[in-house]
N, C-alpha and C. Protein backbone atom coordinates (compact mmCIF):
# COMPACT_ATOMS: atom_id res chain seq x y z
N MET A 1 -4.17 -22.84 12.39
CA MET A 1 -3.78 -21.39 11.45
C MET A 1 -4.82 -21.82 9.56
N VAL A 2 -5.66 -20.43 9.74
CA VAL A 2 -5.56 -20.39 8.45
C VAL A 2 -4.82 -18.69 7.97
N GLU A 3 -4.46 -19.31 6.48
CA GLU A 3 -3.83 -18.47 5.58
C GLU A 3 -5.04 -16.78 4.99
N ARG A 4 -5.11 -15.95 5.20
CA ARG A 4 -5.67 -15.17 4.44
C ARG A 4 -5.15 -13.78 4.12
N THR A 5 -5.98 -13.93 2.89
CA THR A 5 -5.38 -12.24 1.99
C THR A 5 -6.68 -11.34 2.06
N LEU A 6 -5.85 -9.93 2.34
CA LEU A 6 -7.23 -8.80 2.25
C LEU A 6 -6.03 -7.67 1.28
N ASP A 7 -7.13 -7.25 0.97
CA ASP A 7 -6.92 -6.22 -0.12
C ASP A 7 -6.45 -4.75 0.54
N ASP A 8 -6.59 -3.76 -0.13
CA ASP A 8 -5.64 -2.59 0.43
C ASP A 8 -6.95 -2.10 0.89
N ARG A 9 -7.06 -1.46 1.87
CA ARG A 9 -8.06 -0.68 2.68
C ARG A 9 -9.08 -1.79 3.11
N GLU A 10 -9.33 -2.87 2.89
CA GLU A 10 -10.13 -4.50 3.26
C GLU A 10 -9.98 -4.15 4.65
N LEU A 11 -10.76 -4.34 5.52
CA LEU A 11 -10.66 -4.02 7.57
C LEU A 11 -10.36 -5.77 7.24
N LEU A 12 -9.53 -6.17 8.69
CA LEU A 12 -9.32 -7.42 9.29
C LEU A 12 -11.05 -7.85 9.91
N TYR A 13 -10.67 -6.60 11.26
CA TYR A 13 -12.11 -6.54 12.28
C TYR A 13 -12.25 -4.92 12.20
N PHE A 14 -13.75 -4.89 13.08
CA PHE A 14 -13.80 -3.74 13.33
C PHE A 14 -14.09 -3.33 14.62
N LYS A 15 -14.19 -2.12 15.40
CA LYS A 15 -13.87 -2.09 16.81
C LYS A 15 -15.06 -2.99 17.34
N ASP A 16 -15.17 -2.64 18.54
CA ASP A 16 -15.47 -4.00 19.24
C ASP A 16 -16.57 -4.85 18.85
N ASP A 17 -16.02 -6.20 17.34
CA ASP A 17 -16.27 -6.46 16.53
C ASP A 17 -15.59 -7.94 17.97
N THR A 18 -16.25 -9.32 18.45
CA THR A 18 -15.98 -10.29 19.33
C THR A 18 -13.98 -10.31 19.02
N LEU A 19 -13.91 -11.29 20.11
CA LEU A 19 -12.72 -11.56 19.53
C LEU A 19 -11.71 -13.18 19.02
N GLU A 20 -12.63 -13.45 18.78
CA GLU A 20 -12.09 -14.63 17.57
C GLU A 20 -11.08 -15.03 17.26
N PHE A 21 -9.65 -14.43 17.02
CA PHE A 21 -8.83 -14.62 16.45
C PHE A 21 -7.59 -13.56 16.49
N ILE A 22 -6.64 -14.06 16.72
CA ILE A 22 -4.73 -13.05 16.29
C ILE A 22 -4.75 -13.32 15.12
N ALA A 23 -4.23 -12.45 14.69
CA ALA A 23 -3.06 -12.60 13.92
C ALA A 23 -1.92 -12.64 13.43
N LEU A 24 -0.78 -12.71 12.58
CA LEU A 24 0.22 -12.76 12.65
C LEU A 24 0.48 -12.55 11.37
N VAL A 25 1.30 -11.05 10.71
CA VAL A 25 1.28 -10.89 9.00
C VAL A 25 2.33 -11.10 9.10
N VAL A 26 2.52 -11.80 7.74
CA VAL A 26 3.71 -12.43 6.98
C VAL A 26 4.10 -11.43 5.42
N GLU A 27 3.02 -10.59 5.67
CA GLU A 27 3.86 -9.38 4.39
C GLU A 27 2.87 -8.82 4.17
N GLY A 28 2.93 -7.85 3.99
CA GLY A 28 2.07 -6.08 3.80
C GLY A 28 1.38 -5.85 5.30
N ARG A 29 1.18 -5.08 5.65
CA ARG A 29 1.06 -4.03 6.72
C ARG A 29 -0.57 -3.88 7.09
N ILE A 30 -0.93 -3.67 7.75
CA ILE A 30 -1.99 -3.49 8.83
C ILE A 30 -2.28 -2.73 9.66
N TYR A 31 -3.33 -1.35 9.39
CA TYR A 31 -2.54 0.05 10.24
C TYR A 31 -4.83 -0.48 11.76
N SER A 32 -4.30 0.05 12.65
CA SER A 32 -5.14 0.29 13.63
C SER A 32 -5.39 1.35 13.83
N VAL A 33 -6.77 1.75 13.22
CA VAL A 33 -7.63 3.25 13.55
C VAL A 33 -8.85 2.97 14.32
N VAL A 34 -9.25 4.41 15.44
CA VAL A 34 -10.15 4.67 16.00
C VAL A 34 -10.92 6.29 15.18
N HIS A 35 -12.29 5.99 15.67
CA HIS A 35 -12.87 7.19 14.93
C HIS A 35 -13.66 8.16 15.89
N GLY A 36 -13.13 9.22 15.83
CA GLY A 36 -13.96 10.42 17.04
C GLY A 36 -15.61 10.31 16.38
N PRO A 37 -16.46 11.19 17.46
CA PRO A 37 -17.96 11.18 17.28
C PRO A 37 -18.12 12.00 15.74
N ASP A 38 -17.07 12.98 14.95
CA ASP A 38 -17.12 13.85 13.94
C ASP A 38 -16.89 12.37 12.80
N GLY A 39 -16.64 10.95 12.96
CA GLY A 39 -16.15 10.76 11.90
C GLY A 39 -14.84 11.12 11.69
N ARG A 40 -13.63 11.88 12.88
CA ARG A 40 -12.30 11.62 11.94
C ARG A 40 -11.51 10.19 12.77
N GLU A 41 -10.69 9.80 11.83
CA GLU A 41 -10.05 8.72 11.91
C GLU A 41 -8.69 8.81 12.50
N GLN A 42 -8.21 8.36 13.71
CA GLN A 42 -7.42 8.66 14.17
C GLN A 42 -6.09 7.08 14.11
N ILE A 43 -4.77 7.18 13.55
CA ILE A 43 -4.19 6.02 13.52
C ILE A 43 -3.46 5.82 14.66
N ILE A 44 -3.81 4.41 15.21
CA ILE A 44 -3.10 4.33 16.65
C ILE A 44 -1.97 3.43 16.47
N GLY A 45 -1.96 2.61 15.63
CA GLY A 45 -1.00 1.33 15.42
C GLY A 45 -0.16 0.86 14.27
N SER A 46 0.53 0.64 13.82
CA SER A 46 0.81 -0.29 12.72
C SER A 46 1.50 -1.53 12.59
N THR A 47 0.66 -2.65 11.79
CA THR A 47 2.05 -3.66 12.68
C THR A 47 2.19 -4.66 10.95
N GLY A 48 3.47 -4.74 10.93
CA GLY A 48 4.46 -5.39 9.41
C GLY A 48 4.59 -6.79 9.81
N ALA A 49 5.18 -7.15 8.03
CA ALA A 49 5.32 -8.23 8.14
C ALA A 49 6.49 -8.83 9.55
N GLY A 50 5.67 -10.28 10.19
CA GLY A 50 6.34 -10.85 11.24
C GLY A 50 6.20 -10.43 12.54
N GLN A 51 5.28 -9.48 12.38
CA GLN A 51 4.95 -9.07 13.66
C GLN A 51 2.74 -9.34 14.02
N VAL A 52 2.39 -9.60 15.45
CA VAL A 52 1.27 -9.82 15.82
C VAL A 52 -0.26 -8.61 15.62
N VAL A 53 -1.00 -9.30 15.03
CA VAL A 53 -2.34 -7.96 15.36
C VAL A 53 -3.36 -8.93 15.79
N GLY A 54 -3.89 -7.70 17.00
CA GLY A 54 -5.03 -8.58 17.17
C GLY A 54 -5.03 -8.66 18.84
N GLU A 55 -3.92 -8.93 19.60
CA GLU A 55 -3.32 -10.06 20.69
C GLU A 55 -4.14 -9.39 22.09
N THR A 56 -5.14 -8.92 22.04
CA THR A 56 -6.20 -8.26 22.75
C THR A 56 -6.98 -9.42 22.75
N ALA A 57 -7.49 -9.66 21.30
CA ALA A 57 -7.88 -11.33 21.53
C ALA A 57 -8.05 -12.66 23.01
N LEU A 58 -6.85 -12.16 23.43
CA LEU A 58 -6.30 -13.24 24.34
C LEU A 58 -6.55 -13.15 25.84
N ILE A 59 -7.17 -11.63 25.63
CA ILE A 59 -7.83 -11.28 26.88
C ILE A 59 -9.23 -11.17 26.95
N LYS A 60 -9.88 -11.67 27.69
CA LYS A 60 -11.31 -12.47 27.73
C LYS A 60 -12.02 -10.43 27.72
N ASP A 61 -13.48 -11.32 27.66
CA ASP A 61 -14.35 -9.88 28.35
C ASP A 61 -14.62 -8.99 27.75
N HIS A 62 -13.72 -7.89 26.85
CA HIS A 62 -14.29 -6.75 25.99
C HIS A 62 -14.50 -7.07 24.05
N GLY A 63 -14.64 -6.51 23.81
CA GLY A 63 -14.20 -6.58 22.16
C GLY A 63 -12.94 -5.34 22.06
N ARG A 64 -13.24 -5.74 19.89
CA ARG A 64 -11.51 -5.68 20.00
C ARG A 64 -11.73 -3.70 20.54
N GLU A 65 -10.15 -3.58 20.80
CA GLU A 65 -9.80 -1.85 20.60
C GLU A 65 -10.29 -0.91 19.73
N SER A 66 -10.18 -1.88 18.04
CA SER A 66 -10.05 -0.24 17.46
C SER A 66 -10.63 -2.01 16.32
N SER A 67 -10.91 -0.70 15.00
CA SER A 67 -10.92 -1.65 13.88
C SER A 67 -9.33 -1.62 13.42
N THR A 68 -8.79 -2.23 12.07
CA THR A 68 -8.18 -2.51 11.38
C THR A 68 -7.96 -2.21 10.13
N PHE A 69 -7.20 -2.66 9.19
CA PHE A 69 -7.36 -2.44 8.09
C PHE A 69 -5.58 -2.89 6.91
N ALA A 70 -6.26 -3.69 5.71
CA ALA A 70 -4.57 -3.07 5.37
C ALA A 70 -4.29 -2.38 4.53
N SER A 71 -2.72 -1.94 4.79
CA SER A 71 -2.75 -1.47 3.49
C SER A 71 -1.27 -1.90 2.84
N GLY A 72 -2.20 -2.12 1.29
CA GLY A 72 -1.65 -2.57 0.08
C GLY A 72 -2.22 -4.15 0.31
N PRO A 73 -1.74 -5.07 -0.32
CA PRO A 73 -2.25 -5.64 -0.42
C PRO A 73 -1.18 -6.17 0.74
N THR A 74 -2.30 -7.81 1.68
CA THR A 74 -1.46 -7.98 2.80
C THR A 74 -1.76 -9.22 3.10
N ARG A 75 -1.32 -10.52 3.72
CA ARG A 75 -1.23 -11.56 3.66
C ARG A 75 -0.35 -12.02 5.43
N LEU A 76 -1.69 -12.78 5.79
CA LEU A 76 -1.73 -13.30 7.31
C LEU A 76 -2.25 -14.79 8.08
N LEU A 77 -2.01 -14.74 8.47
CA LEU A 77 -2.08 -16.07 9.38
C LEU A 77 -2.71 -15.72 10.57
N GLN A 78 -4.42 -16.64 10.57
CA GLN A 78 -4.97 -16.63 11.93
C GLN A 78 -5.42 -17.82 12.62
N LEU A 79 -4.91 -17.20 13.98
CA LEU A 79 -4.90 -18.19 15.13
C LEU A 79 -6.19 -18.17 16.00
N GLY A 80 -7.38 -19.24 15.42
CA GLY A 80 -8.28 -18.93 16.17
C GLY A 80 -8.09 -18.96 17.78
N SER A 81 -9.18 -18.52 18.37
CA SER A 81 -9.35 -18.68 19.85
C SER A 81 -9.64 -19.98 20.53
N ARG A 82 -9.66 -21.11 19.94
CA ARG A 82 -9.94 -22.44 20.44
C ARG A 82 -8.68 -23.18 20.82
N HIS A 83 -7.06 -21.82 20.05
CA HIS A 83 -6.01 -22.95 20.54
C HIS A 83 -5.16 -22.37 21.58
N PHE A 84 -6.32 -20.95 21.83
CA PHE A 84 -5.45 -20.20 23.19
C PHE A 84 -5.37 -21.10 24.24
N GLY A 85 -5.63 -21.33 24.70
CA GLY A 85 -5.73 -22.46 26.02
C GLY A 85 -4.38 -23.14 25.31
N VAL A 86 -3.95 -24.03 24.63
CA VAL A 86 -3.14 -24.48 24.62
C VAL A 86 -1.85 -23.33 24.36
N LEU A 87 -1.72 -22.68 24.31
CA LEU A 87 -0.92 -21.35 24.34
C LEU A 87 -0.77 -20.88 25.54
N PHE A 88 -1.45 -20.61 26.58
CA PHE A 88 -1.47 -20.10 27.89
C PHE A 88 -0.62 -21.33 28.55
N GLU A 89 -0.52 -22.87 28.17
CA GLU A 89 0.19 -23.71 29.05
C GLU A 89 1.51 -23.49 28.97
N GLU A 90 2.62 -22.67 27.67
CA GLU A 90 3.57 -22.58 27.82
C GLU A 90 4.00 -21.33 28.49
N PRO A 91 5.26 -21.00 28.94
CA PRO A 91 6.07 -20.22 29.88
C PRO A 91 6.30 -19.24 29.18
N VAL A 92 7.11 -19.92 27.96
CA VAL A 92 7.60 -18.39 26.72
C VAL A 92 6.93 -18.16 26.34
N PHE A 93 5.69 -18.42 25.66
CA PHE A 93 4.65 -17.64 24.89
C PHE A 93 4.14 -16.87 26.25
N LEU A 94 3.88 -17.04 27.77
CA LEU A 94 3.15 -15.82 28.52
C LEU A 94 4.50 -15.28 28.74
N ARG A 95 5.60 -14.91 28.67
CA ARG A 95 6.78 -13.97 28.68
C ARG A 95 6.48 -13.39 28.00
N ARG A 96 6.67 -13.83 26.86
CA ARG A 96 6.31 -13.14 24.83
C ARG A 96 5.42 -12.11 24.98
N LEU A 97 4.14 -12.77 25.28
CA LEU A 97 3.03 -12.29 25.32
C LEU A 97 3.51 -10.62 26.25
N LEU A 98 3.53 -11.07 27.16
CA LEU A 98 3.84 -9.60 28.32
C LEU A 98 4.59 -8.90 27.53
N MET A 99 6.08 -9.16 27.21
CA MET A 99 6.77 -8.34 26.83
C MET A 99 5.94 -7.07 25.61
N LEU A 100 5.20 -8.19 25.01
CA LEU A 100 4.48 -7.21 23.59
C LEU A 100 3.68 -6.50 23.93
N MET A 101 2.40 -6.90 25.36
CA MET A 101 2.34 -5.50 25.56
C MET A 101 2.10 -5.07 26.29
N MET A 102 3.52 -5.03 27.46
CA MET A 102 3.89 -4.06 27.40
C MET A 102 4.58 -2.78 26.45
N LEU A 103 5.01 -3.33 25.15
CA LEU A 103 5.30 -2.60 23.97
C LEU A 103 4.39 -1.94 23.72
N ARG A 104 3.08 -2.69 23.65
CA ARG A 104 2.29 -1.86 22.99
C ARG A 104 1.41 -0.81 23.69
N LEU A 105 1.59 -0.91 25.60
CA LEU A 105 1.48 0.20 26.23
C LEU A 105 2.13 1.39 26.40
N LEU A 106 3.18 0.80 25.90
CA LEU A 106 4.41 2.11 25.61
C LEU A 106 4.29 3.45 24.62
N GLN A 107 4.02 2.22 23.32
CA GLN A 107 3.67 2.85 21.93
C GLN A 107 2.73 3.97 21.82
N ALA A 108 1.37 3.71 23.31
CA ALA A 108 0.20 4.10 23.13
C ALA A 108 0.81 4.94 24.06
N ILE A 109 1.54 5.35 24.92
CA ILE A 109 2.03 6.53 26.03
C ILE A 109 2.66 7.32 24.76
N GLU A 110 3.63 6.74 24.22
CA GLU A 110 4.15 7.49 23.39
C GLU A 110 3.22 8.53 22.36
N LEU A 111 2.17 7.62 21.65
CA LEU A 111 1.50 8.10 20.61
C LEU A 111 0.38 9.28 21.55
N LEU A 112 0.54 9.29 22.98
CA LEU A 112 -0.72 10.17 23.18
C LEU A 112 0.24 11.17 23.78
N GLU A 113 1.45 11.15 23.51
CA GLU A 113 2.00 12.59 24.19
C GLU A 113 2.18 13.11 22.94
N LEU A 114 2.58 12.40 21.74
CA LEU A 114 2.90 13.22 20.38
C LEU A 114 1.40 14.14 19.85
N VAL A 115 0.37 13.44 20.16
CA VAL A 115 -1.09 14.16 19.83
C VAL A 115 -1.53 15.29 20.45
N CYS A 116 -0.93 14.77 21.57
CA CYS A 116 -1.74 16.09 22.73
C CYS A 116 -1.20 16.57 23.23
N LEU A 117 0.89 17.18 23.18
CA LEU A 117 0.91 17.47 23.92
C LEU A 117 2.17 18.40 22.12
N HIS A 118 2.15 17.87 21.73
CA HIS A 118 3.13 18.94 20.52
C HIS A 118 2.62 19.07 18.82
N ARG A 119 3.29 20.28 18.53
CA ARG A 119 2.47 20.96 17.71
C ARG A 119 3.13 20.74 16.38
N LEU A 120 2.30 20.08 14.89
CA LEU A 120 2.13 19.32 13.92
C LEU A 120 3.63 19.41 13.24
N GLU A 121 4.38 20.49 13.61
CA GLU A 121 6.29 20.23 12.81
C GLU A 121 6.69 19.88 13.69
N SER A 122 6.70 19.23 15.22
CA SER A 122 7.47 18.57 16.27
C SER A 122 7.20 17.27 16.12
N ARG A 123 5.62 16.85 15.96
CA ARG A 123 5.11 15.73 15.54
C ARG A 123 4.93 15.08 14.70
N LEU A 124 5.76 15.62 13.24
CA LEU A 124 5.70 15.29 12.13
C LEU A 124 7.84 14.63 12.53
N ALA A 125 7.91 15.87 12.86
CA ALA A 125 9.68 15.32 13.14
C ALA A 125 10.35 14.50 13.42
N ARG A 126 9.45 14.48 14.86
CA ARG A 126 9.81 13.31 16.12
C ARG A 126 8.82 11.28 15.29
N PHE A 127 7.96 11.95 14.12
CA PHE A 127 7.81 10.78 14.22
C PHE A 127 8.71 10.32 12.24
N LEU A 128 9.33 11.15 12.17
CA LEU A 128 10.28 10.49 11.01
C LEU A 128 11.26 10.59 11.55
N LEU A 129 11.69 10.66 12.72
CA LEU A 129 13.40 10.18 13.77
C LEU A 129 13.05 8.76 14.25
N ALA A 130 11.50 8.12 14.74
CA ALA A 130 11.16 7.46 15.24
C ALA A 130 10.92 6.26 13.56
N ASN A 131 11.36 6.58 12.25
CA ASN A 131 11.01 5.60 12.03
C ASN A 131 12.20 5.97 11.13
N LEU A 132 13.33 6.28 11.43
CA LEU A 132 14.13 6.30 10.25
C LEU A 132 14.86 4.64 9.77
N GLY A 133 15.26 5.20 8.28
CA GLY A 133 15.39 3.77 7.55
C GLY A 133 17.24 3.81 7.80
N GLU A 134 17.07 2.89 7.20
CA GLU A 134 18.03 2.67 5.82
C GLU A 134 19.12 3.97 5.61
N ILE A 135 20.55 4.15 5.49
CA ILE A 135 20.74 4.91 4.88
C ILE A 135 20.97 5.14 3.35
N ASP A 136 20.40 6.05 2.61
CA ASP A 136 20.26 6.08 1.34
C ASP A 136 21.90 6.82 0.66
N LEU A 137 21.67 5.17 -0.28
CA LEU A 137 23.48 5.15 -0.65
C LEU A 137 23.70 5.81 -1.59
N ALA A 138 23.05 6.33 -2.65
CA ALA A 138 23.21 7.57 -3.15
C ALA A 138 23.81 8.57 -3.69
N LEU A 139 22.84 8.84 -2.06
CA LEU A 139 23.27 10.23 -1.43
C LEU A 139 23.89 10.34 0.16
N ALA A 140 24.35 9.25 0.48
CA ALA A 140 24.56 9.06 1.87
C ALA A 140 24.07 9.99 2.77
N LEU A 141 22.45 9.63 3.05
CA LEU A 141 22.00 10.21 4.22
C LEU A 141 20.71 9.12 4.21
N PRO A 142 20.31 9.57 5.88
CA PRO A 142 19.64 8.96 6.27
C PRO A 142 18.36 9.21 5.56
N SER A 143 17.11 8.00 5.29
CA SER A 143 15.90 7.94 4.48
C SER A 143 14.96 7.47 5.76
N VAL A 144 14.04 7.72 5.07
CA VAL A 144 11.95 7.15 5.70
C VAL A 144 11.20 6.09 4.93
N SER A 145 10.72 5.03 5.22
CA SER A 145 10.12 4.95 3.76
C SER A 145 8.53 5.15 5.19
N LEU A 146 7.41 5.69 4.69
CA LEU A 146 6.43 6.38 4.63
C LEU A 146 5.08 5.64 4.62
N PRO A 147 3.93 5.73 4.58
CA PRO A 147 2.89 5.67 3.87
C PRO A 147 2.53 6.52 2.92
N ALA A 148 2.73 5.24 1.71
CA ALA A 148 2.71 6.29 0.33
C ALA A 148 1.33 7.15 0.60
N SER A 149 -0.05 7.25 1.14
CA SER A 149 -0.93 7.90 1.25
C SER A 149 -0.37 8.98 2.04
N GLN A 150 -0.48 10.40 2.09
CA GLN A 150 -0.36 11.56 3.11
C GLN A 150 -1.69 11.45 3.88
N GLY A 151 -3.09 10.90 3.93
CA GLY A 151 -4.41 10.74 4.16
C GLY A 151 -3.73 9.65 5.33
N VAL A 152 -3.51 8.74 4.25
CA VAL A 152 -2.87 8.13 6.08
C VAL A 152 -2.01 8.28 6.93
N LEU A 153 -0.71 9.12 6.63
CA LEU A 153 -0.03 10.63 7.67
C LEU A 153 -0.52 11.19 7.83
N ALA A 154 -1.68 12.25 7.57
CA ALA A 154 -1.96 12.81 8.53
C ALA A 154 -2.70 12.15 10.18
N SER A 155 -3.36 11.00 9.89
CA SER A 155 -4.37 10.25 10.49
C SER A 155 -3.48 9.85 11.44
N MET A 156 -2.19 9.35 11.34
CA MET A 156 -1.20 9.16 12.16
C MET A 156 -0.82 10.29 13.36
N LEU A 157 -0.66 11.25 12.15
CA LEU A 157 -0.03 12.19 13.09
C LEU A 157 -1.19 13.47 14.38
N ASN A 158 -2.33 12.91 13.63
CA ASN A 158 -3.63 13.67 14.13
C ASN A 158 -3.71 15.19 13.87
N THR A 159 -4.14 15.00 12.16
CA THR A 159 -3.55 16.28 11.56
C THR A 159 -4.39 16.47 10.38
N SER A 160 -4.54 17.55 9.53
CA SER A 160 -5.59 16.85 8.54
C SER A 160 -4.78 16.85 7.04
N ARG A 161 -4.81 16.74 6.46
CA ARG A 161 -3.76 15.96 5.04
C ARG A 161 -3.10 17.30 4.64
N PRO A 162 -4.79 18.50 4.59
CA PRO A 162 -3.99 19.53 3.65
C PRO A 162 -2.67 20.84 4.26
N LYS A 163 -3.21 20.26 6.13
CA LYS A 163 -1.98 21.04 7.11
C LYS A 163 -0.33 20.04 6.66
N LEU A 164 -0.97 19.09 6.93
CA LEU A 164 0.71 18.21 6.70
C LEU A 164 1.52 18.34 5.30
N ASN A 165 0.41 18.20 4.06
CA ASN A 165 1.21 18.56 3.06
C ASN A 165 1.51 20.18 3.04
N VAL A 166 1.00 21.00 3.94
CA VAL A 166 1.83 22.58 3.34
C VAL A 166 3.31 22.33 4.81
N GLN A 167 3.37 21.84 5.70
CA GLN A 167 4.24 21.28 6.62
C GLN A 167 5.25 20.10 5.49
N LEU A 168 5.18 19.38 4.68
CA LEU A 168 5.71 18.88 4.08
C LEU A 168 6.66 19.57 3.02
N GLN A 169 5.89 20.58 2.48
CA GLN A 169 6.26 21.51 0.84
C GLN A 169 7.00 22.26 1.92
N LEU A 170 6.62 23.55 3.14
CA LEU A 170 7.64 24.31 4.09
C LEU A 170 9.39 23.20 3.84
N TRP A 171 9.15 21.70 3.96
CA TRP A 171 10.62 21.71 4.36
C TRP A 171 11.37 20.96 3.18
N ARG A 172 10.31 20.61 2.41
CA ARG A 172 11.01 20.32 0.81
C ARG A 172 11.96 21.70 0.32
N ARG A 173 11.15 22.63 0.21
CA ARG A 173 10.90 23.98 -0.15
C ARG A 173 12.91 24.38 0.81
N SER A 174 12.93 24.29 2.32
CA SER A 174 14.09 24.49 2.77
C SER A 174 15.12 23.31 2.53
N GLY A 175 15.23 22.68 2.16
CA GLY A 175 16.00 21.35 1.50
C GLY A 175 16.07 21.09 3.09
N LEU A 176 15.28 20.72 4.11
CA LEU A 176 15.18 19.56 4.84
C LEU A 176 14.65 18.25 4.53
N ILE A 177 14.01 17.60 3.56
CA ILE A 177 14.19 16.29 3.44
C ILE A 177 13.71 16.77 1.63
N SER A 178 14.10 15.69 0.96
CA SER A 178 13.73 15.49 -0.44
C SER A 178 13.03 14.03 -0.62
N GLY A 179 12.24 14.00 -2.10
CA GLY A 179 11.98 12.51 -2.19
C GLY A 179 10.74 12.40 -2.05
N LYS A 180 9.74 11.17 -2.03
CA LYS A 180 8.61 10.81 -1.90
C LYS A 180 8.46 10.56 -0.68
N LEU A 181 7.12 10.16 -0.32
CA LEU A 181 6.65 9.43 1.15
C LEU A 181 7.15 8.50 0.81
N GLU A 182 7.32 7.56 0.10
CA GLU A 182 8.17 5.93 0.09
C GLU A 182 9.70 5.65 0.43
N ARG A 183 9.99 7.14 0.46
CA ARG A 183 11.68 6.75 0.36
C ARG A 183 12.24 8.81 0.03
N MET A 184 11.11 8.95 1.19
CA MET A 184 12.16 10.50 1.91
C MET A 184 13.45 10.07 2.74
N VAL A 185 14.48 11.27 2.10
CA VAL A 185 15.77 11.60 1.96
C VAL A 185 15.49 12.64 3.35
N ILE A 186 16.16 12.72 4.35
CA ILE A 186 16.26 13.45 5.37
C ILE A 186 17.88 14.14 5.45
N ASN A 187 17.82 15.63 4.85
CA ASN A 187 19.22 16.60 3.83
C ASN A 187 19.66 16.96 5.43
N ASP A 188 19.13 17.01 6.96
CA ASP A 188 19.88 17.64 7.52
C ASP A 188 18.96 16.68 8.93
N LEU A 189 19.99 16.15 9.64
CA LEU A 189 19.32 14.77 10.41
C LEU A 189 19.49 15.84 11.82
N GLU A 190 20.49 16.53 11.95
CA GLU A 190 20.79 17.59 13.71
C GLU A 190 19.34 18.66 13.61
N HIS A 191 18.77 18.95 12.13
CA HIS A 191 17.86 20.15 11.94
C HIS A 191 16.81 19.45 11.94
N LEU A 192 16.46 18.60 11.64
CA LEU A 192 15.40 18.02 11.89
C LEU A 192 15.21 17.56 13.39
N ARG A 193 16.19 17.13 14.43
CA ARG A 193 16.03 16.55 15.97
C ARG A 193 15.56 17.64 16.72
N ARG A 194 16.61 19.25 16.37
CA ARG A 194 15.96 20.11 17.29
C ARG A 194 14.81 20.61 16.58
N LYS A 195 13.94 20.51 15.36
CA LYS A 195 12.50 20.50 15.10
C LYS A 195 11.61 20.07 16.24
N ALA A 196 11.78 18.38 16.22
CA ALA A 196 11.64 17.59 17.21
C ALA A 196 11.18 17.43 18.32
N PHE A 197 12.26 18.87 19.16
CA PHE A 197 12.22 18.32 20.12
C PHE A 197 12.17 19.94 20.82
N ALA A 198 12.00 20.72 19.96
CA ALA A 198 12.10 22.05 20.61
C ALA A 198 11.15 22.58 20.77
N LEU A 199 11.05 23.52 22.24
CA LEU A 199 9.68 23.40 23.09
C LEU A 199 8.25 24.07 22.20
N ASN A 200 7.43 23.50 22.33
CA ASN A 200 6.38 24.10 22.15
C ASN A 200 6.20 25.43 22.58
């Protein structure tokens, strides 16, 4: 394994690159992104500490399915493709790989449903619910840690930054949420759930 450090927004690999390695995120975050014909970017995945990125390198005969970049300083351990043969001889590894691929497929289906079938308000509410973190002890309310950039969050939700900003401001004014993106507090969890699952 080779240790590698990436700066904020530094690319790990480009879409269609050759499949030369998989990587374990030690600290930081990696976003997977695809670009439309008009150049608009859609973040399709997020990989944090303790998770593997680039696992499709284990499947031969195609290039990378997306580009990936670091969010903030990120440290990785890369395993080169010459070591893959040894891994495939391990039944435990194969079971875990199958579970990981199934999880990625489920996440892709959820993302497809989210960005294609729901309005922004519902998409944002569902995203917040899916990423609920610990209880804010000072307020005894649930909180969510989101990307520090509205641009990144907008790309994850398949919308523009200005539209996302308007939606967040409306929710702040109504008292549904408070705080900043890095630590957003949900003041009315039931109301957020109703928004998430309202009929479009």
